[in-house]
């Protein structure tokens, strides 16, 4: 049941983030030129506590849209989009910052990202040992 609720929330937020800006375009004249040359980049990011996302209920979720401008419910969408552009949307390329010291306490935190990055479908999941370790990996993307 938890997994179904998580996917329903993720799909609903993704649909809103991706399709929301498109709702007004149906009224445009057929011969109108496109107003945007950017591939869509709209993501839903979630944070949960536990060992696997399928068995955990998200405690926070935000939307992030990066094209043509940064927007969404993410508290620092401009920095988060800049961070993603810096690694070309490769979430595995995000590395820990130097000089961050964390305890060895195991209290797993799961981050998921679902949506579209520059026109391509993305789905990412990563488990961090604790909140401090999660915070050491990015400056703004997972800070919500």
C-alpha atoms as a PDB file:
ATOM      1  CA  UNK A   1       0.000   0.000   0.000  1.00  0.00           C
ATOM      2  CA  UNK A   2       2.832   2.421   0.839  1.00  0.00           C
ATOM      3  CA  UNK A   3       4.478   1.821  -2.523  1.00  0.00           C
ATOM      4  CA  UNK A   4       1.194   2.505  -4.348  1.00  0.00           C
ATOM      5  CA  UNK A   5       0.696   5.765  -2.464  1.00  0.00           C
ATOM      6  CA  UNK A   6       4.268   6.838  -3.192  1.00  0.00           C
ATOM      7  CA  UNK A   7       3.928   6.187  -6.912  1.00  0.00           C
ATOM      8  CA  UNK A   8       0.528   7.891  -7.051  1.00  0.00           C
ATOM      9  CA  UNK A   9       1.987  10.992  -5.391  1.00  0.00           C
ATOM     10  CA  UNK A  10       5.068  10.940  -7.628  1.00  0.00           C
ATOM     11  CA  UNK A  11       3.054  10.544 -10.830  1.00  0.00           C
ATOM     12  CA  UNK A  12       0.609  13.252  -9.777  1.00  0.00           C
ATOM     13  CA  UNK A  13       3.369  15.747  -8.952  1.00  0.00           C
ATOM     14  CA  UNK A  14       5.290  14.882 -12.122  1.00  0.00           C
ATOM     15  CA  UNK A  15       2.193  15.317 -14.270  1.00  0.00           C
ATOM     16  CA  UNK A  16       1.485  18.675 -12.648  1.00  0.00           C
ATOM     17  CA  UNK A  17       5.076  19.859 -13.068  1.00  0.00           C
ATOM     18  CA  UNK A  18       5.393  18.680 -16.678  1.00  0.00           C
ATOM     19  CA  UNK A  19       1.889  19.397 -17.977  1.00  0.00           C
ATOM     20  CA  UNK A  20       1.085  22.502 -15.949  1.00  0.00           C
ATOM     21  CA  UNK A  21       3.009  24.900 -18.219  1.00  0.00           C
ATOM     22  CA  UNK A  22       1.486  23.244 -21.289  1.00  0.00           C
ATOM     23  CA  UNK A  23      -2.166  23.922 -20.404  1.00  0.00           C
ATOM     24  CA  UNK A  24      -2.248  27.343 -22.074  1.00  0.00           C
ATOM     25  CA  UNK A  25      -0.589  26.170 -25.287  1.00  0.00           C
ATOM     26  CA  UNK A  26      -3.746  24.386 -26.482  1.00  0.00           C
ATOM     27  CA  UNK A  27      -5.287  27.803 -27.099  1.00  0.00           C
ATOM     28  CA  UNK A  28      -2.523  28.967 -29.428  1.00  0.00           C
ATOM     29  CA  UNK A  29      -3.192  29.338 -33.112  1.00  0.00           C
ATOM     30  CA  UNK A  30      -2.037  26.368 -35.230  1.00  0.00           C
ATOM     31  CA  UNK A  31       0.391  28.544 -37.182  1.00  0.00           C
ATOM     32  CA  UNK A  32       1.918  30.141 -34.068  1.00  0.00           C
ATOM     33  CA  UNK A  33       5.658  29.733 -33.649  1.00  0.00           C
ATOM     34  CA  UNK A  34       6.869  27.876 -30.557  1.00  0.00           C
ATOM     35  CA  UNK A  35       7.663  30.141 -27.626  1.00  0.00           C
ATOM     36  CA  UNK A  36      10.323  27.870 -26.146  1.00  0.00           C
ATOM     37  CA  UNK A  37      13.295  26.092 -27.634  1.00  0.00           C
ATOM     38  CA  UNK A  38      14.117  24.311 -24.376  1.00  0.00           C
ATOM     39  CA  UNK A  39      13.591  20.620 -23.742  1.00  0.00           C
ATOM     40  CA  UNK A  40      11.429  20.157 -20.638  1.00  0.00           C
ATOM     41  CA  UNK A  41      13.158  19.603 -17.328  1.00  0.00           C
ATOM     42  CA  UNK A  42      10.647  18.926 -14.565  1.00  0.00           C
ATOM     43  CA  UNK A  43      11.404  16.712 -11.593  1.00  0.00           C
ATOM     44  CA  UNK A  44       9.787  15.492  -8.390  1.00  0.00           C
ATOM     45  CA  UNK A  45      12.248  14.985  -5.541  1.00  0.00           C
ATOM     46  CA  UNK A  46      11.326  13.067  -2.384  1.00  0.00           C
ATOM     47  CA  UNK A  47      13.037  12.284   0.911  1.00  0.00           C
ATOM     48  CA  UNK A  48      12.127   9.279   3.069  1.00  0.00           C
ATOM     49  CA  UNK A  49      13.599   7.434   6.038  1.00  0.00           C
ATOM     50  CA  UNK A  50      14.280   3.713   5.782  1.00  0.00           C
ATOM     51  CA  UNK A  51      16.297   1.177   3.851  1.00  0.00           C
ATOM     52  CA  UNK A  52      14.396   1.167   0.521  1.00  0.00           C
ATOM     53  CA  UNK A  53      12.088   3.651  -1.154  1.00  0.00           C
ATOM     54  CA  UNK A  54       9.528   0.944  -1.913  1.00  0.00           C
ATOM     55  CA  UNK A  55       9.048   0.248   1.782  1.00  0.00           C
ATOM     56  CA  UNK A  56       9.232   3.878   2.992  1.00  0.00           C
ATOM     57  CA  UNK A  57       6.764   6.729   2.936  1.00  0.00           C
ATOM     58  CA  UNK A  58       8.181  10.061   1.733  1.00  0.00           C
ATOM     59  CA  UNK A  59       8.331  12.700   4.461  1.00  0.00           C
ATOM     60  CA  UNK A  60       8.969  15.570   2.033  1.00  0.00           C
ATOM     61  CA  UNK A  61       8.442  16.108  -1.677  1.00  0.00           C
ATOM     62  CA  UNK A  62       9.157  19.086  -3.923  1.00  0.00           C
ATOM     63  CA  UNK A  63       8.912  19.894  -7.606  1.00  0.00           C
ATOM     64  CA  UNK A  64      11.746  21.382  -9.630  1.00  0.00           C
ATOM     65  CA  UNK A  65      11.468  22.766 -13.139  1.00  0.00           C
ATOM     66  CA  UNK A  66      14.648  24.005 -14.817  1.00  0.00           C
ATOM     67  CA  UNK A  67      13.659  25.099 -18.324  1.00  0.00           C
ATOM     68  CA  UNK A  68      13.332  27.758 -19.525  1.00  0.00           C
ATOM     69  CA  UNK A  69      13.720  29.241 -16.022  1.00  0.00           C
ATOM     70  CA  UNK A  70      14.002  27.603 -12.631  1.00  0.00           C
ATOM     71  CA  UNK A  71      10.766  27.241 -10.690  1.00  0.00           C
ATOM     72  CA  UNK A  72       8.776  24.819  -8.586  1.00  0.00           C
ATOM     73  CA  UNK A  73       8.257  24.232  -4.894  1.00  0.00           C
ATOM     74  CA  UNK A  74      11.949  23.585  -4.237  1.00  0.00           C
ATOM     75  CA  UNK A  75      13.152  26.236  -1.743  1.00  0.00           C
ATOM     76  CA  UNK A  76      16.209  27.153  -3.864  1.00  0.00           C
ATOM     77  CA  UNK A  77      15.264  26.134  -7.390  1.00  0.00           C
ATOM     78  CA  UNK A  78      17.843  28.374  -9.092  1.00  0.00           C
ATOM     79  CA  UNK A  79      20.797  26.814  -7.240  1.00  0.00           C
ATOM     80  CA  UNK A  80      19.397  23.287  -7.595  1.00  0.00           C
ATOM     81  CA  UNK A  81      19.013  23.713 -11.364  1.00  0.00           C
ATOM     82  CA  UNK A  82      22.512  25.188 -11.648  1.00  0.00           C
ATOM     83  CA  UNK A  83      23.888  22.235  -9.716  1.00  0.00           C
ATOM     84  CA  UNK A  84      22.147  19.767 -12.048  1.00  0.00           C
ATOM     85  CA  UNK A  85      23.339  21.617 -15.135  1.00  0.00           C
ATOM     86  CA  UNK A  86      26.891  21.467 -13.730  1.00  0.00           C
ATOM     87  CA  UNK A  87      26.795  17.653 -13.825  1.00  0.00           C
ATOM     88  CA  UNK A  88      24.694  17.483 -17.023  1.00  0.00           C
ATOM     89  CA  UNK A  89      21.827  15.856 -15.125  1.00  0.00           C
ATOM     90  CA  UNK A  90      23.995  12.916 -14.009  1.00  0.00           C
ATOM     91  CA  UNK A  91      22.910  12.387 -10.393  1.00  0.00           C
ATOM     92  CA  UNK A  92      25.697   9.839  -9.842  1.00  0.00           C
ATOM     93  CA  UNK A  93      28.239  12.585 -10.561  1.00  0.00           C
ATOM     94  CA  UNK A  94      27.163  14.510  -7.447  1.00  0.00           C
ATOM     95  CA  UNK A  95      29.941  14.049  -4.919  1.00  0.00           C
ATOM     96  CA  UNK A  96      30.445  14.860  -1.248  1.00  0.00           C
ATOM     97  CA  UNK A  97      31.896  18.243  -0.381  1.00  0.00           C
ATOM     98  CA  UNK A  98      35.335  18.317   1.224  1.00  0.00           C
ATOM     99  CA  UNK A  99      35.624  19.090   4.909  1.00  0.00           C
ATOM    100  CA  UNK A 100      32.218  17.792   6.020  1.00  0.00           C
ATOM    101  CA  UNK A 101      32.423  15.565   9.077  1.00  0.00           C
ATOM    102  CA  UNK A 102      29.538  13.219   9.867  1.00  0.00           C
ATOM    103  CA  UNK A 103      28.961  10.583  12.520  1.00  0.00           C
ATOM    104  CA  UNK A 104      28.904   6.906  11.622  1.00  0.00           C
ATOM    105  CA  UNK A 105      25.350   6.564  12.959  1.00  0.00           C
ATOM    106  CA  UNK A 106      23.206   4.489  10.588  1.00  0.00           C
ATOM    107  CA  UNK A 107      19.820   6.186  10.172  1.00  0.00           C
ATOM    108  CA  UNK A 108      19.185   5.753   6.425  1.00  0.00           C
ATOM    109  CA  UNK A 109      17.754   8.574   4.353  1.00  0.00           C
ATOM    110  CA  UNK A 110      16.448   7.840   0.855  1.00  0.00           C
ATOM    111  CA  UNK A 111      16.296  10.429  -1.904  1.00  0.00           C
ATOM    112  CA  UNK A 112      14.335   9.788  -5.098  1.00  0.00           C
ATOM    113  CA  UNK A 113      14.100  11.833  -8.274  1.00  0.00           C
ATOM    114  CA  UNK A 114      11.489  11.118 -10.940  1.00  0.00           C
ATOM    115  CA  UNK A 115      10.549  13.148 -13.984  1.00  0.00           C
ATOM    116  CA  UNK A 116      12.107  14.559 -17.136  1.00  0.00           C
ATOM    117  CA  UNK A 117      15.566  16.092 -17.517  1.00  0.00           C
ATOM    118  CA  UNK A 118      16.187  17.895 -20.819  1.00  0.00           C
ATOM    119  CA  UNK A 119      13.472  15.880 -22.529  1.00  0.00           C
ATOM    120  CA  UNK A 120      14.576  12.452 -21.254  1.00  0.00           C
ATOM    121  CA  UNK A 121      12.827  10.393 -18.576  1.00  0.00           C
ATOM    122  CA  UNK A 122      14.863  10.001 -15.379  1.00  0.00           C
ATOM    123  CA  UNK A 123      14.395   7.922 -12.261  1.00  0.00           C
ATOM    124  CA  UNK A 124      17.007   8.002  -9.514  1.00  0.00           C
ATOM    125  CA  UNK A 125      17.185   6.593  -6.002  1.00  0.00           C
ATOM    126  CA  UNK A 126      20.000   6.854  -3.498  1.00  0.00           C
ATOM    127  CA  UNK A 127      20.272   5.798   0.139  1.00  0.00           C
ATOM    128  CA  UNK A 128      22.521   7.846   2.421  1.00  0.00           C
ATOM    129  CA  UNK A 129      23.725   6.554   5.816  1.00  0.00           C
ATOM    130  CA  UNK A 130      22.168   9.532   7.638  1.00  0.00           C
ATOM    131  CA  UNK A 131      20.940  13.104   7.159  1.00  0.00           C
ATOM    132  CA  UNK A 132      24.441  14.563   7.560  1.00  0.00           C
ATOM    133  CA  UNK A 133      25.850  12.373   4.794  1.00  0.00           C
ATOM    134  CA  UNK A 134      22.943  13.347   2.526  1.00  0.00           C
ATOM    135  CA  UNK A 135      23.646  17.014   3.193  1.00  0.00           C
ATOM    136  CA  UNK A 136      27.327  16.591   2.395  1.00  0.00           C
ATOM    137  CA  UNK A 137      26.623  15.476  -1.175  1.00  0.00           C
ATOM    138  CA  UNK A 138      25.072  18.617  -2.537  1.00  0.00           C
ATOM    139  CA  UNK A 139      24.756  22.222  -1.601  1.00  0.00           C
ATOM    140  CA  UNK A 140      21.170  22.752  -2.671  1.00  0.00           C
ATOM    141  CA  UNK A 141      19.590  19.956  -4.738  1.00  0.00           C
ATOM    142  CA  UNK A 142      18.605  17.717  -1.827  1.00  0.00           C
ATOM    143  CA  UNK A 143      18.251  20.567   0.693  1.00  0.00           C
ATOM    144  CA  UNK A 144      14.489  20.703   1.149  1.00  0.00           C
END
